[in-house]
Amino acid sequence: MVDKELKDFRSGYVSIIGRPNVGKSTLLNSILGEKIAIVTPKPQTTRNRIIGIKTVPNAQIIFIDTPGIHKPKHKLGETMVKTALEALREVDIILFMVEPHEIGSGDRFIIDLLKRVQSLVFLLINKIDIIKKSDLLPLIDHFKEFYPFKEIIPISALKKDGIELLMNSIYDYLPYGPKYYPDEIITDQLERFMVSEIIREKITKKTEEEIPYSVAVEVAEWKEREDGVITIKSNIYVEREGQKGIIIGKKGSMLKSIGTAARIDIERLLNTKVFLELWVKVKKDWRDDKRTLEELGYT
């Protein structure tokens, strides 16, 4: 006999896609109530496919946060776009996020891709807190001209406005299915990956221009002492000597600032005291080096 609770349980995969910097990672973090994805004002900061798991009494929703779909300029960019496009396949629902203005060429490109998939597509108009309410209905009508979206939901991922409506709508369309992960699991990402992303986020926030896009972070050593303190040694890779100097800063000031900010978040993540060592190294043109991309887990 099938357990009634299991029989009524819903589960499925939901992909979050959109152009760079539309708020995909902010949305995922808002839904989970935990920070598992990099959030910065700079576009193209998500490089890997990040899975977030939301479990409620009657459902489990597995969200896939993807890199922003953009025109790539190097092998790393090509890998990021490939990752995003793969997330369109074999998911139950696609959340296509846009900003609150008329559709541009980048959004049209994504809509053309959506016309080739079988999944249900919701349109999420994000950042509605920055426009007048009177502008919203004409904007919704504008988007309807381009694609037959199953749902169109205005939200503010940052202020969590519209999130409850979104979750209810997702639940309504989810198929009945099993629970894939234990209740307490909110991501499938390993702690080492999460730590490297925290460090990369701090670099992205504290440096300017091309520096964030030329940086890769590798956790080279992880040791847990008997007193519970975790010692982490991490390599920060850049493409040029000048970038190395910027990250280190005058008398090491920038690197110290990055390390302090990262350590606070890492200790919160691991719930223990952390000793963090950061080393900056030059790997010339690593974003176009297939072997380096493989070693860093991007391919």
Protein backbone atom coordinates (compact mmCIF):
# COMPACT_ATOMS: atom_id res chain seq x y z
CA MET A 1 0.00 0.00 0.00
CA VAL A 2 1.40 3.42 -1.01
CA ASP A 3 1.85 5.89 1.84
CA LYS A 4 -0.66 8.76 1.31
CA GLU A 5 1.94 11.39 2.23
CA LEU A 6 4.35 9.98 -0.37
CA LYS A 7 1.54 9.63 -2.91
CA ASP A 8 0.67 13.33 -2.60
CA PHE A 9 4.32 14.46 -2.58
CA ARG A 10 5.60 16.55 -5.50
CA SER A 11 9.17 16.96 -6.70
CA GLY A 12 10.97 18.24 -9.73
CA TYR A 13 13.76 20.27 -11.30
CA VAL A 14 13.52 24.00 -11.94
CA SER A 15 16.14 25.84 -13.98
CA ILE A 16 16.82 29.57 -13.54
CA ILE A 17 18.10 31.22 -16.71
CA GLY A 18 18.57 34.71 -18.08
CA ARG A 19 21.10 37.27 -19.21
CA PRO A 20 24.03 38.14 -16.90
CA ASN A 21 23.25 40.15 -13.78
CA VAL A 22 19.44 39.87 -13.90
CA GLY A 23 19.32 38.49 -10.34
CA LYS A 24 19.36 34.69 -10.75
CA SER A 25 21.68 34.02 -7.81
CA THR A 26 19.85 36.54 -5.63
CA LEU A 27 16.60 34.71 -6.37
CA LEU A 28 18.07 31.32 -5.47
CA ASN A 29 19.50 32.63 -2.21
CA SER A 30 16.16 34.30 -1.36
CA ILE A 31 14.21 31.11 -1.96
CA LEU A 32 16.56 28.97 0.12
CA GLY A 33 17.01 31.48 2.92
CA GLU A 34 20.73 30.73 2.73
CA LYS A 35 23.54 32.14 0.63
CA ILE A 36 24.88 29.46 -1.69
CA ALA A 37 25.53 31.49 -4.85
CA ILE A 38 27.76 34.50 -5.52
CA VAL A 39 25.86 37.79 -5.59
CA THR A 40 27.67 40.88 -6.89
CA PRO A 41 26.77 43.94 -8.98
CA LYS A 42 29.09 42.65 -11.71
CA PRO A 43 27.69 40.40 -14.48
CA GLN A 44 28.84 36.87 -15.34
CA THR A 45 29.99 35.98 -11.83
CA THR A 46 28.26 32.58 -11.68
CA ARG A 47 30.50 30.13 -13.55
CA ASN A 48 29.27 26.71 -12.48
CA ARG A 49 25.86 25.10 -12.35
CA ILE A 50 24.79 25.47 -8.73
CA ILE A 51 22.01 23.31 -7.33
CA GLY A 52 19.81 24.57 -4.50
CA ILE A 53 17.25 22.32 -2.81
CA LYS A 54 14.06 23.63 -1.23
CA THR A 55 12.14 21.07 0.82
CA VAL A 56 8.70 21.84 2.24
CA PRO A 57 6.21 19.40 3.84
CA ASN A 58 4.54 18.47 0.57
CA ALA A 59 7.28 19.04 -2.03
CA GLN A 60 10.94 19.15 -2.88
CA ILE A 61 12.08 21.58 -5.56
CA ILE A 62 15.58 21.26 -6.99
CA PHE A 63 16.69 24.59 -8.43
CA ILE A 64 19.53 24.92 -10.92
CA ASP A 65 21.20 28.34 -10.98
CA THR A 66 23.14 28.86 -14.19
CA PRO A 67 25.70 31.29 -15.61
CA GLY A 68 24.19 34.20 -17.53
CA ILE A 69 23.71 33.51 -21.23
CA HIS A 70 25.97 35.88 -23.16
CA LYS A 71 28.26 36.04 -26.20
CA PRO A 72 31.49 34.34 -25.03
CA LYS A 73 34.91 35.91 -25.54
CA HIS A 74 37.10 32.98 -24.41
CA LYS A 75 36.93 29.25 -23.62
CA LEU A 76 35.73 29.90 -20.08
CA GLY A 77 32.85 31.96 -21.46
CA GLU A 78 31.99 29.19 -23.93
CA THR A 79 31.90 26.69 -21.07
CA MET A 80 29.65 28.98 -19.02
CA VAL A 81 27.14 29.37 -21.85
CA LYS A 82 27.21 25.63 -22.56
CA THR A 83 26.41 24.99 -18.89
CA ALA A 84 23.47 27.38 -19.02
CA LEU A 85 22.04 25.83 -22.20
CA GLU A 86 22.35 22.30 -20.79
CA ALA A 87 20.10 23.40 -17.92
CA LEU A 88 17.25 23.87 -20.42
CA ARG A 89 17.06 20.14 -21.04
CA GLU A 90 15.23 17.63 -18.88
CA VAL A 91 13.85 20.07 -16.31
CA ASP A 92 10.20 20.39 -15.37
CA ILE A 93 10.05 24.20 -15.26
CA ILE A 94 12.28 26.96 -16.62
CA LEU A 95 12.31 30.32 -14.86
CA PHE A 96 13.37 32.92 -17.44
CA MET A 97 14.41 36.08 -15.58
CA VAL A 98 14.42 39.50 -17.20
CA GLU A 99 14.79 43.08 -16.05
CA PRO A 100 11.78 45.44 -16.17
CA HIS A 101 12.27 46.92 -19.62
CA GLU A 102 11.43 45.99 -23.19
CA ILE A 103 13.03 42.89 -24.66
CA GLY A 104 16.53 43.37 -26.09
CA SER A 105 18.60 41.24 -28.46
CA GLY A 106 20.03 39.13 -25.62
CA ASP A 107 16.55 38.24 -24.35
CA ARG A 108 15.37 37.47 -27.88
CA PHE A 109 18.28 35.06 -28.28
CA ILE A 110 17.19 33.19 -25.14
CA ILE A 111 13.53 33.14 -26.24
CA ASP A 112 14.59 31.54 -29.53
CA LEU A 113 16.30 28.80 -27.48
CA LEU A 114 13.18 28.35 -25.34
CA LYS A 115 11.10 27.66 -28.45
CA ARG A 116 13.10 24.44 -28.90
CA VAL A 117 12.44 22.94 -25.46
CA GLN A 118 9.48 21.03 -24.05
CA SER A 119 9.63 22.32 -20.46
CA LEU A 120 7.10 24.76 -19.02
CA VAL A 121 8.45 28.32 -19.03
CA PHE A 122 7.66 31.01 -16.44
CA LEU A 123 8.69 34.59 -17.10
CA LEU A 124 9.98 36.39 -14.01
CA ILE A 125 10.15 40.16 -14.34
CA ASN A 126 12.69 41.02 -11.66
CA LYS A 127 13.56 44.33 -9.96
CA ILE A 128 9.96 45.60 -10.06
CA ASP A 129 10.83 47.85 -7.13
CA ILE A 130 12.68 50.16 -9.55
CA ILE A 131 9.71 50.87 -11.88
CA LYS A 132 6.30 52.50 -11.52
CA LYS A 133 3.38 50.11 -10.91
CA SER A 134 1.54 51.71 -13.82
CA ASP A 135 4.34 50.56 -16.17
CA LEU A 136 4.02 46.89 -15.19
CA LEU A 137 0.88 45.83 -17.09
CA PRO A 138 2.04 47.29 -20.45
CA LEU A 139 5.37 45.52 -19.89
CA ILE A 140 3.64 42.17 -19.28
CA ASP A 141 1.62 42.65 -22.50
CA HIS A 142 4.86 43.41 -24.33
CA PHE A 143 6.47 40.14 -23.22
CA LYS A 144 3.37 38.13 -24.15
CA GLU A 145 3.96 39.06 -27.80
CA PHE A 146 7.20 37.05 -27.91
CA TYR A 147 6.39 33.74 -26.20
CA PRO A 148 3.39 31.88 -24.69
CA PHE A 149 4.70 31.86 -21.12
CA LYS A 150 2.85 29.52 -18.76
CA GLU A 151 3.03 32.15 -16.03
CA ILE A 152 4.30 35.74 -15.87
CA ILE A 153 5.26 36.73 -12.32
CA PRO A 154 6.66 40.15 -11.32
CA ILE A 155 9.15 39.85 -8.45
CA SER A 156 11.88 41.61 -6.54
CA ALA A 157 14.39 38.89 -5.67
CA LEU A 158 16.35 41.30 -3.48
CA LYS A 159 13.33 42.35 -1.41
CA LYS A 160 11.66 38.89 -1.62
CA ASP A 161 8.57 40.46 -3.15
CA GLY A 162 6.52 37.92 -5.13
CA ILE A 163 8.56 34.93 -3.95
CA GLU A 164 5.62 33.28 -2.15
CA LEU A 165 3.45 33.59 -5.27
CA LEU A 166 6.27 32.13 -7.36
CA MET A 167 6.72 29.14 -5.03
CA ASN A 168 2.97 28.43 -5.04
CA SER A 169 2.91 28.58 -8.84
CA ILE A 170 5.88 26.22 -9.14
CA TYR A 171 4.17 23.77 -6.77
CA ASP A 172 0.98 23.79 -8.88
CA TYR A 173 2.88 22.60 -11.95
CA LEU A 174 5.30 20.15 -10.30
CA PRO A 175 4.74 16.45 -11.05
CA TYR A 176 4.17 13.95 -8.27
CA GLY A 177 7.45 12.34 -7.35
CA PRO A 178 9.85 11.14 -4.64
CA LYS A 179 12.04 13.06 -2.23
CA TYR A 180 15.53 13.04 -3.75
CA TYR A 181 17.48 14.63 -0.88
CA PRO A 182 17.24 14.60 2.94
CA ASP A 183 15.31 17.56 4.42
CA GLU A 184 18.40 19.30 5.81
CA ILE A 185 20.31 19.40 2.51
CA ILE A 186 20.05 22.74 0.68
CA THR A 187 22.80 22.27 -1.95
CA ASP A 188 24.80 19.49 -3.56
CA GLN A 189 27.93 21.63 -3.60
CA LEU A 190 30.98 20.43 -1.67
CA GLU A 191 32.32 22.61 1.12
CA ARG A 192 35.59 23.21 -0.77
CA PHE A 193 33.67 24.61 -3.74
CA MET A 194 31.57 26.82 -1.47
CA VAL A 195 34.72 28.17 0.20
CA SER A 196 36.36 28.94 -3.15
CA GLU A 197 33.21 30.76 -4.27
CA ILE A 198 33.16 32.87 -1.10
CA ILE A 199 36.77 33.93 -1.70
CA ARG A 200 36.02 34.71 -5.36
CA GLU A 201 32.99 36.75 -4.35
CA LYS A 202 35.09 38.93 -2.02
CA ILE A 203 37.64 39.50 -4.77
CA THR A 204 34.84 40.42 -7.18
CA LYS A 205 33.33 42.93 -4.76
CA LYS A 206 36.61 44.56 -3.76
CA THR A 207 38.33 44.85 -7.15
CA GLU A 208 37.33 46.70 -10.30
CA GLU A 209 37.34 46.46 -14.09
CA GLU A 210 38.56 43.14 -15.57
CA ILE A 211 40.03 41.69 -12.39
CA PRO A 212 36.96 39.64 -11.29
CA TYR A 213 36.74 37.88 -14.65
CA SER A 214 40.45 37.02 -14.71
CA VAL A 215 40.39 35.34 -11.30
CA ALA A 216 40.06 31.68 -10.38
CA VAL A 217 40.22 30.29 -6.85
CA GLU A 218 41.50 26.86 -5.86
CA VAL A 219 41.41 25.35 -2.37
CA ALA A 220 44.84 23.72 -2.25
CA GLU A 221 44.87 22.46 1.34
CA TRP A 222 42.24 21.71 3.99
CA LYS A 223 43.22 20.47 7.44
CA GLU A 224 41.03 20.09 10.51
CA ARG A 225 42.87 20.34 13.83
CA GLU A 226 41.95 18.45 17.00
CA ASP A 227 40.54 21.65 18.53
CA GLY A 228 38.10 21.98 15.58
CA VAL A 229 39.91 24.84 13.85
CA ILE A 230 40.11 24.35 10.06
CA THR A 231 43.23 25.53 8.23
CA ILE A 232 42.55 26.39 4.60
CA LYS A 233 45.22 27.32 2.07
CA SER A 234 43.87 28.73 -1.16
CA ASN A 235 45.45 29.80 -4.45
CA ILE A 236 44.13 32.82 -6.31
CA TYR A 237 45.03 32.63 -9.99
CA VAL A 238 45.21 35.68 -12.26
CA GLU A 239 46.36 36.10 -15.86
CA ARG A 240 48.92 38.91 -15.52
CA GLU A 241 51.47 40.25 -13.05
CA GLY A 242 49.66 43.60 -12.90
CA GLN A 243 46.49 41.86 -11.72
CA LYS A 244 48.49 40.06 -9.03
CA GLY A 245 49.70 43.43 -7.72
CA ILE A 246 46.15 44.81 -7.58
CA ILE A 247 44.85 41.85 -5.57
CA ILE A 248 47.77 41.94 -3.15
CA GLY A 249 47.54 45.73 -2.78
CA LYS A 250 49.92 48.14 -1.08
CA LYS A 251 51.83 46.23 1.60
CA GLY A 252 49.33 43.39 1.23
CA SER A 253 46.35 45.54 2.28
CA MET A 254 43.91 44.35 -0.39
CA LEU A 255 44.71 40.67 0.12
CA LYS A 256 44.27 41.09 3.87
CA SER A 257 40.91 42.78 3.35
CA ILE A 258 39.76 39.98 1.00
CA GLY A 259 40.94 37.33 3.45
CA THR A 260 39.22 38.91 6.45
CA ALA A 261 35.88 39.28 4.65
CA ALA A 262 36.09 35.73 3.25
CA ARG A 263 37.03 34.19 6.61
CA ILE A 264 33.96 35.67 8.31
CA ASP A 265 31.61 34.08 5.76
CA ILE A 266 33.54 30.78 5.70
CA GLU A 267 33.33 30.50 9.50
CA ARG A 268 29.58 31.10 9.25
CA LEU A 269 29.33 28.39 6.56
CA LEU A 270 31.41 25.80 8.44
CA ASN A 271 30.27 26.83 11.92
CA THR A 272 33.81 26.76 13.29
CA LYS A 273 36.93 28.91 13.55
CA VAL A 274 38.97 29.09 10.36
CA PHE A 275 42.60 29.97 9.65
CA LEU A 276 42.74 31.15 6.04
CA GLU A 277 45.88 31.58 3.92
CA LEU A 278 45.65 33.19 0.49
CA TRP A 279 48.35 33.01 -2.18
CA VAL A 280 48.17 34.92 -5.47
CA LYS A 281 49.72 33.25 -8.52
CA VAL A 282 49.93 34.09 -12.23
CA LYS A 283 48.64 31.57 -14.80
CA LYS A 284 48.90 33.41 -18.09
CA ASP A 285 45.67 33.37 -20.15
CA TRP A 286 44.20 30.56 -18.02
CA ARG A 287 40.69 31.25 -19.30
CA ASP A 288 41.74 29.99 -22.74
CA ASP A 289 43.77 27.04 -21.42
CA LYS A 290 41.71 23.84 -21.67
CA ARG A 291 43.93 21.94 -19.23
CA THR A 292 43.72 24.66 -16.58
CA LEU A 293 39.93 24.90 -16.99
CA GLU A 294 39.72 21.14 -16.42
CA GLU A 295 41.97 21.32 -13.35
CA LEU A 296 39.81 24.07 -11.87
CA GLY A 297 36.60 22.12 -12.51
CA TYR A 298 35.10 24.32 -15.21
CA THR A 299 34.88 21.58 -17.84
